[in-house]
Amino acid sequence: RAEALEKPEGKINKAGAIIIFLFFMVAAAVVIVGTNVFSYDMSIANAKYKFGNRKYNEAYEDIRGVDVKEKDLEIRDKIYTVMYVNKQLNSYNNFYAMDEYASALDSLIKGLERYDKYIALATQLGIKSDLNYVRKQIMAELQNTYGVSERDALMLMEISDKQEYSEQIYKIVSSVNKKPPVETEKKEYVP
């Protein structure tokens, strides 16, 4: 009799289990899609903001690797166009920090060449002022670091012979003081 009073051990209602499983699957899909949409929108918004504030490297990092939708292709094209030139300014900074002054100078000259190559596209995209801003930075580094005028830079760009170009680059580099001397603390001699 005791066995008859016992309730059978729990059986899972298959229809209920399927409904609950489907509910959680739909909820997970909504969360994943919502997160991806939010992440995408934030990346695009951040890239636009940073680009508008001339933080080109940061804007590029925000949009790099993002599968850009058709409605946002214009901002991607603007960022990439400026970065084609700004990349050379970044290379200059990296080479200069590693004391590779000839490569640093070469990067600045390449930056001017890329400026010439992309200025028409920049004008078409309405970002001519952004590209000019990067060019001004390049010209300032050429003048301040290497004493190279715009005219001299244009002459370097005209050299097609690689050997002659290299000789001119090394000639310029050897004639300038690359980094300011490091100040050392002077200690007074006490016997």
C-alpha atoms as a PDB file:
ATOM      1  CA  ARG A   1       0.000   0.000   0.000  1.00  0.00           C
ATOM      2  CA  ALA A   2       2.764   2.469   0.747  1.00  0.00           C
ATOM      3  CA  GLU A   3       4.086   1.935  -2.724  1.00  0.00           C
ATOM      4  CA  ALA A   4       0.717   2.787  -4.224  1.00  0.00           C
ATOM      5  CA  LEU A   5       0.580   6.097  -2.339  1.00  0.00           C
ATOM      6  CA  GLU A   6       3.963   7.185  -3.583  1.00  0.00           C
ATOM      7  CA  LYS A   7       3.861   9.530  -6.511  1.00  0.00           C
ATOM      8  CA  PRO A   8       5.820   8.525  -9.523  1.00  0.00           C
ATOM      9  CA  GLU A   9       9.189  10.200  -9.826  1.00  0.00           C
ATOM     10  CA  GLY A  10       9.086  13.374 -11.911  1.00  0.00           C
ATOM     11  CA  LYS A  11       8.669  13.026 -15.609  1.00  0.00           C
ATOM     12  CA  ILE A  12       9.540  15.956 -17.799  1.00  0.00           C
ATOM     13  CA  ASN A  13       6.751  17.245 -19.941  1.00  0.00           C
ATOM     14  CA  LYS A  14       8.330  17.240 -23.400  1.00  0.00           C
ATOM     15  CA  ALA A  15       6.132  20.024 -24.782  1.00  0.00           C
ATOM     16  CA  GLY A  16       6.881  22.269 -21.775  1.00  0.00           C
ATOM     17  CA  ALA A  17      10.596  21.555 -21.999  1.00  0.00           C
ATOM     18  CA  ILE A  18      10.650  22.429 -25.688  1.00  0.00           C
ATOM     19  CA  ILE A  19       8.789  25.689 -25.055  1.00  0.00           C
ATOM     20  CA  ILE A  20      11.191  26.695 -22.272  1.00  0.00           C
ATOM     21  CA  PHE A  21      14.215  25.725 -24.379  1.00  0.00           C
ATOM     22  CA  LEU A  22      12.934  27.758 -27.329  1.00  0.00           C
ATOM     23  CA  PHE A  23      12.233  30.730 -25.045  1.00  0.00           C
ATOM     24  CA  PHE A  24      15.804  30.736 -23.787  1.00  0.00           C
ATOM     25  CA  MET A  25      17.200  30.297 -27.307  1.00  0.00           C
ATOM     26  CA  VAL A  26      15.186  33.280 -28.571  1.00  0.00           C
ATOM     27  CA  ALA A  27      16.208  35.343 -25.540  1.00  0.00           C
ATOM     28  CA  ALA A  28      19.883  34.485 -26.101  1.00  0.00           C
ATOM     29  CA  ALA A  29      19.602  35.378 -29.804  1.00  0.00           C
ATOM     30  CA  VAL A  30      17.979  38.732 -28.951  1.00  0.00           C
ATOM     31  CA  VAL A  31      20.751  39.492 -26.450  1.00  0.00           C
ATOM     32  CA  ILE A  32      23.503  38.550 -28.918  1.00  0.00           C
ATOM     33  CA  VAL A  33      21.979  40.521 -31.802  1.00  0.00           C
ATOM     34  CA  GLY A  34      21.270  43.482 -29.528  1.00  0.00           C
ATOM     35  CA  THR A  35      24.824  43.472 -28.225  1.00  0.00           C
ATOM     36  CA  ASN A  36      26.270  43.311 -31.733  1.00  0.00           C
ATOM     37  CA  VAL A  37      24.056  46.154 -32.949  1.00  0.00           C
ATOM     38  CA  PHE A  38      24.930  48.254 -29.896  1.00  0.00           C
ATOM     39  CA  SER A  39      28.652  47.504 -30.294  1.00  0.00           C
ATOM     40  CA  TYR A  40      28.554  48.379 -34.002  1.00  0.00           C
ATOM     41  CA  ASP A  41      26.656  51.619 -33.392  1.00  0.00           C
ATOM     42  CA  MET A  42      29.102  52.609 -30.631  1.00  0.00           C
ATOM     43  CA  SER A  43      32.118  51.883 -32.843  1.00  0.00           C
ATOM     44  CA  ILE A  44      30.734  54.032 -35.663  1.00  0.00           C
ATOM     45  CA  ALA A  45      29.683  56.841 -33.305  1.00  0.00           C
ATOM     46  CA  ASN A  46      33.090  56.856 -31.597  1.00  0.00           C
ATOM     47  CA  ALA A  47      34.905  56.819 -34.934  1.00  0.00           C
ATOM     48  CA  LYS A  48      32.846  59.785 -36.195  1.00  0.00           C
ATOM     49  CA  TYR A  49      33.435  61.756 -33.014  1.00  0.00           C
ATOM     50  CA  LYS A  50      37.172  61.105 -32.941  1.00  0.00           C
ATOM     51  CA  PHE A  51      37.549  61.844 -36.643  1.00  0.00           C
ATOM     52  CA  GLY A  52      35.730  65.138 -36.153  1.00  0.00           C
ATOM     53  CA  ASN A  53      38.220  65.996 -33.405  1.00  0.00           C
ATOM     54  CA  ARG A  54      41.231  65.102 -35.571  1.00  0.00           C
ATOM     55  CA  LYS A  55      42.062  62.005 -33.559  1.00  0.00           C
ATOM     56  CA  TYR A  56      42.627  60.037 -36.730  1.00  0.00           C
ATOM     57  CA  ASN A  57      44.522  57.112 -35.204  1.00  0.00           C
ATOM     58  CA  GLU A  58      41.818  56.545 -32.593  1.00  0.00           C
ATOM     59  CA  ALA A  59      39.048  56.825 -35.184  1.00  0.00           C
ATOM     60  CA  TYR A  60      40.850  54.257 -37.315  1.00  0.00           C
ATOM     61  CA  GLU A  61      41.188  51.876 -34.365  1.00  0.00           C
ATOM     62  CA  ASP A  62      37.453  52.191 -33.648  1.00  0.00           C
ATOM     63  CA  ILE A  63      36.458  51.263 -37.189  1.00  0.00           C
ATOM     64  CA  ARG A  64      39.241  48.822 -38.075  1.00  0.00           C
ATOM     65  CA  GLY A  65      37.947  45.266 -38.356  1.00  0.00           C
ATOM     66  CA  VAL A  66      34.302  46.356 -38.276  1.00  0.00           C
ATOM     67  CA  ASP A  67      32.115  45.040 -41.082  1.00  0.00           C
ATOM     68  CA  VAL A  68      30.858  48.477 -42.107  1.00  0.00           C
ATOM     69  CA  LYS A  69      27.296  48.756 -43.351  1.00  0.00           C
ATOM     70  CA  GLU A  70      26.533  50.569 -46.576  1.00  0.00           C
ATOM     71  CA  LYS A  71      25.070  53.567 -44.753  1.00  0.00           C
ATOM     72  CA  ASP A  72      28.408  54.101 -42.959  1.00  0.00           C
ATOM     73  CA  LEU A  73      30.785  53.592 -45.889  1.00  0.00           C
ATOM     74  CA  GLU A  74      31.365  57.329 -46.230  1.00  0.00           C
ATOM     75  CA  ILE A  75      32.845  57.735 -42.746  1.00  0.00           C
ATOM     76  CA  ARG A  76      34.989  54.647 -43.283  1.00  0.00           C
ATOM     77  CA  ASP A  77      36.272  56.077 -46.566  1.00  0.00           C
ATOM     78  CA  LYS A  78      37.044  59.410 -44.898  1.00  0.00           C
ATOM     79  CA  ILE A  79      38.966  57.771 -42.073  1.00  0.00           C
ATOM     80  CA  TYR A  80      40.894  55.449 -44.369  1.00  0.00           C
ATOM     81  CA  THR A  81      41.774  58.253 -46.789  1.00  0.00           C
ATOM     82  CA  VAL A  82      43.288  60.378 -44.027  1.00  0.00           C
ATOM     83  CA  MET A  83      45.055  57.342 -42.576  1.00  0.00           C
ATOM     84  CA  TYR A  84      46.756  56.577 -45.905  1.00  0.00           C
ATOM     85  CA  VAL A  85      48.744  59.771 -45.269  1.00  0.00           C
ATOM     86  CA  ASN A  86      48.718  59.822 -41.459  1.00  0.00           C
ATOM     87  CA  LYS A  87      50.173  56.302 -41.416  1.00  0.00           C
ATOM     88  CA  GLN A  88      53.411  57.761 -42.751  1.00  0.00           C
ATOM     89  CA  LEU A  89      53.469  60.322 -39.947  1.00  0.00           C
ATOM     90  CA  ASN A  90      53.019  57.432 -37.488  1.00  0.00           C
ATOM     91  CA  SER A  91      55.892  55.591 -39.166  1.00  0.00           C
ATOM     92  CA  TYR A  92      58.036  58.698 -38.860  1.00  0.00           C
ATOM     93  CA  ASN A  93      57.362  58.893 -35.123  1.00  0.00           C
ATOM     94  CA  ASN A  94      58.162  55.208 -34.647  1.00  0.00           C
ATOM     95  CA  PHE A  95      61.379  55.316 -36.669  1.00  0.00           C
ATOM     96  CA  TYR A  96      62.498  58.503 -34.977  1.00  0.00           C
ATOM     97  CA  ALA A  97      61.907  57.008 -31.542  1.00  0.00           C
ATOM     98  CA  MET A  98      64.114  54.054 -32.572  1.00  0.00           C
ATOM     99  CA  ASP A  99      66.857  56.469 -33.750  1.00  0.00           C
ATOM    100  CA  GLU A 100      66.373  55.391 -37.373  1.00  0.00           C
ATOM    101  CA  TYR A 101      66.519  58.920 -38.719  1.00  0.00           C
ATOM    102  CA  ALA A 102      66.895  58.076 -42.410  1.00  0.00           C
ATOM    103  CA  SER A 103      63.811  55.844 -42.338  1.00  0.00           C
ATOM    104  CA  ALA A 104      61.977  58.539 -40.388  1.00  0.00           C
ATOM    105  CA  LEU A 105      62.797  61.145 -43.036  1.00  0.00           C
ATOM    106  CA  ASP A 106      61.817  58.732 -45.795  1.00  0.00           C
ATOM    107  CA  SER A 107      58.432  58.219 -44.085  1.00  0.00           C
ATOM    108  CA  LEU A 108      57.791  61.965 -44.132  1.00  0.00           C
ATOM    109  CA  ILE A 109      58.616  62.174 -47.839  1.00  0.00           C
ATOM    110  CA  LYS A 110      56.334  59.200 -48.513  1.00  0.00           C
ATOM    111  CA  GLY A 111      53.626  60.975 -46.525  1.00  0.00           C
ATOM    112  CA  LEU A 112      53.847  63.938 -48.907  1.00  0.00           C
ATOM    113  CA  GLU A 113      53.685  61.585 -51.890  1.00  0.00           C
ATOM    114  CA  ARG A 114      50.571  59.962 -50.469  1.00  0.00           C
ATOM    115  CA  TYR A 115      49.078  63.381 -49.819  1.00  0.00           C
ATOM    116  CA  ASP A 116      49.485  64.194 -53.513  1.00  0.00           C
ATOM    117  CA  LYS A 117      47.972  60.846 -54.430  1.00  0.00           C
ATOM    118  CA  TYR A 118      44.878  61.173 -52.201  1.00  0.00           C
ATOM    119  CA  ILE A 119      44.107  64.907 -52.171  1.00  0.00           C
ATOM    120  CA  ALA A 120      41.630  64.616 -55.060  1.00  0.00           C
ATOM    121  CA  LEU A 121      39.732  61.856 -53.245  1.00  0.00           C
ATOM    122  CA  ALA A 122      39.844  63.860 -50.012  1.00  0.00           C
ATOM    123  CA  THR A 123      38.378  66.853 -51.821  1.00  0.00           C
ATOM    124  CA  GLN A 124      35.620  64.663 -53.235  1.00  0.00           C
ATOM    125  CA  LEU A 125      34.865  63.269 -49.743  1.00  0.00           C
ATOM    126  CA  GLY A 126      34.852  66.762 -48.227  1.00  0.00           C
ATOM    127  CA  ILE A 127      37.890  66.158 -46.004  1.00  0.00           C
ATOM    128  CA  LYS A 128      40.492  68.275 -47.768  1.00  0.00           C
ATOM    129  CA  SER A 129      41.058  70.262 -44.551  1.00  0.00           C
ATOM    130  CA  ASP A 130      41.779  67.039 -42.652  1.00  0.00           C
ATOM    131  CA  LEU A 131      44.355  65.915 -45.180  1.00  0.00           C
ATOM    132  CA  ASN A 132      45.866  69.414 -45.201  1.00  0.00           C
ATOM    133  CA  TYR A 133      46.106  69.229 -41.409  1.00  0.00           C
ATOM    134  CA  VAL A 134      48.174  66.028 -41.643  1.00  0.00           C
ATOM    135  CA  ARG A 135      50.305  67.560 -44.404  1.00  0.00           C
ATOM    136  CA  LYS A 136      51.052  70.577 -42.204  1.00  0.00           C
ATOM    137  CA  GLN A 137      52.234  68.229 -39.460  1.00  0.00           C
ATOM    138  CA  ILE A 138      54.496  66.439 -41.920  1.00  0.00           C
ATOM    139  CA  MET A 139      55.906  69.729 -43.208  1.00  0.00           C
ATOM    140  CA  ALA A 140      56.510  70.945 -39.646  1.00  0.00           C
ATOM    141  CA  GLU A 141      58.508  67.797 -38.853  1.00  0.00           C
ATOM    142  CA  LEU A 142      60.501  68.105 -42.076  1.00  0.00           C
ATOM    143  CA  GLN A 143      61.374  71.724 -41.310  1.00  0.00           C
ATOM    144  CA  ASN A 144      61.916  71.488 -37.555  1.00  0.00           C
ATOM    145  CA  THR A 145      63.724  68.151 -37.409  1.00  0.00           C
ATOM    146  CA  TYR A 146      65.613  68.017 -40.688  1.00  0.00           C
ATOM    147  CA  GLY A 147      65.661  71.616 -41.923  1.00  0.00           C
ATOM    148  CA  VAL A 148      63.962  70.488 -45.140  1.00  0.00           C
ATOM    149  CA  SER A 149      61.844  73.137 -46.831  1.00  0.00           C
ATOM    150  CA  GLU A 150      58.778  72.370 -48.891  1.00  0.00           C
ATOM    151  CA  ARG A 151      60.768  73.055 -52.046  1.00  0.00           C
ATOM    152  CA  ASP A 152      63.511  70.645 -50.931  1.00  0.00           C
ATOM    153  CA  ALA A 153      60.921  68.002 -50.052  1.00  0.00           C
ATOM    154  CA  LEU A 154      59.339  68.326 -53.493  1.00  0.00           C
ATOM    155  CA  MET A 155      62.768  67.926 -55.091  1.00  0.00           C
ATOM    156  CA  LEU A 156      63.323  64.744 -53.070  1.00  0.00           C
ATOM    157  CA  MET A 157      59.961  63.441 -54.258  1.00  0.00           C
ATOM    158  CA  GLU A 158      61.046  63.997 -57.867  1.00  0.00           C
ATOM    159  CA  ILE A 159      64.121  61.763 -57.573  1.00  0.00           C
ATOM    160  CA  SER A 160      63.345  58.487 -59.326  1.00  0.00           C
ATOM    161  CA  ASP A 161      66.770  56.855 -58.958  1.00  0.00           C
ATOM    162  CA  LYS A 162      66.759  54.910 -55.669  1.00  0.00           C
ATOM    163  CA  GLN A 163      70.510  55.240 -55.162  1.00  0.00           C
ATOM    164  CA  GLU A 164      70.435  59.011 -55.625  1.00  0.00           C
ATOM    165  CA  TYR A 165      67.379  59.288 -53.373  1.00  0.00           C
ATOM    166  CA  SER A 166      69.101  57.294 -50.610  1.00  0.00           C
ATOM    167  CA  GLU A 167      72.229  59.418 -50.897  1.00  0.00           C
ATOM    168  CA  GLN A 168      70.191  62.608 -50.537  1.00  0.00           C
ATOM    169  CA  ILE A 169      68.316  61.225 -47.522  1.00  0.00           C
ATOM    170  CA  TYR A 170      71.550  60.236 -45.766  1.00  0.00           C
ATOM    171  CA  LYS A 171      73.148  63.555 -46.654  1.00  0.00           C
ATOM    172  CA  ILE A 172      70.286  65.420 -44.962  1.00  0.00           C
ATOM    173  CA  VAL A 173      70.301  63.124 -41.929  1.00  0.00           C
ATOM    174  CA  SER A 174      74.042  63.444 -41.426  1.00  0.00           C
ATOM    175  CA  SER A 175      73.859  67.253 -41.489  1.00  0.00           C
ATOM    176  CA  VAL A 176      71.384  67.693 -38.625  1.00  0.00           C
ATOM    177  CA  ASN A 177      71.461  67.173 -34.894  1.00  0.00           C
ATOM    178  CA  LYS A 178      68.839  64.455 -34.476  1.00  0.00           C
ATOM    179  CA  LYS A 179      67.941  64.619 -30.790  1.00  0.00           C
ATOM    180  CA  PRO A 180      68.675  67.157 -28.118  1.00  0.00           C
ATOM    181  CA  PRO A 181      71.434  66.082 -25.744  1.00  0.00           C
ATOM    182  CA  VAL A 182      70.256  64.362 -22.610  1.00  0.00           C
ATOM    183  CA  GLU A 183      70.650  66.571 -19.573  1.00  0.00           C
ATOM    184  CA  THR A 184      72.634  64.888 -16.845  1.00  0.00           C
ATOM    185  CA  GLU A 185      72.398  65.933 -13.277  1.00  0.00           C
ATOM    186  CA  LYS A 186      75.572  67.699 -12.196  1.00  0.00           C
ATOM    187  CA  LYS A 187      76.770  66.577  -8.822  1.00  0.00           C
ATOM    188  CA  GLU A 188      79.139  68.576  -6.758  1.00  0.00           C
ATOM    189  CA  TYR A 189      82.309  66.796  -5.858  1.00  0.00           C
ATOM    190  CA  VAL A 190      82.705  66.467  -2.087  1.00  0.00           C
ATOM    191  CA  PRO A 191      86.068  65.127  -0.839  1.00  0.00           C
END
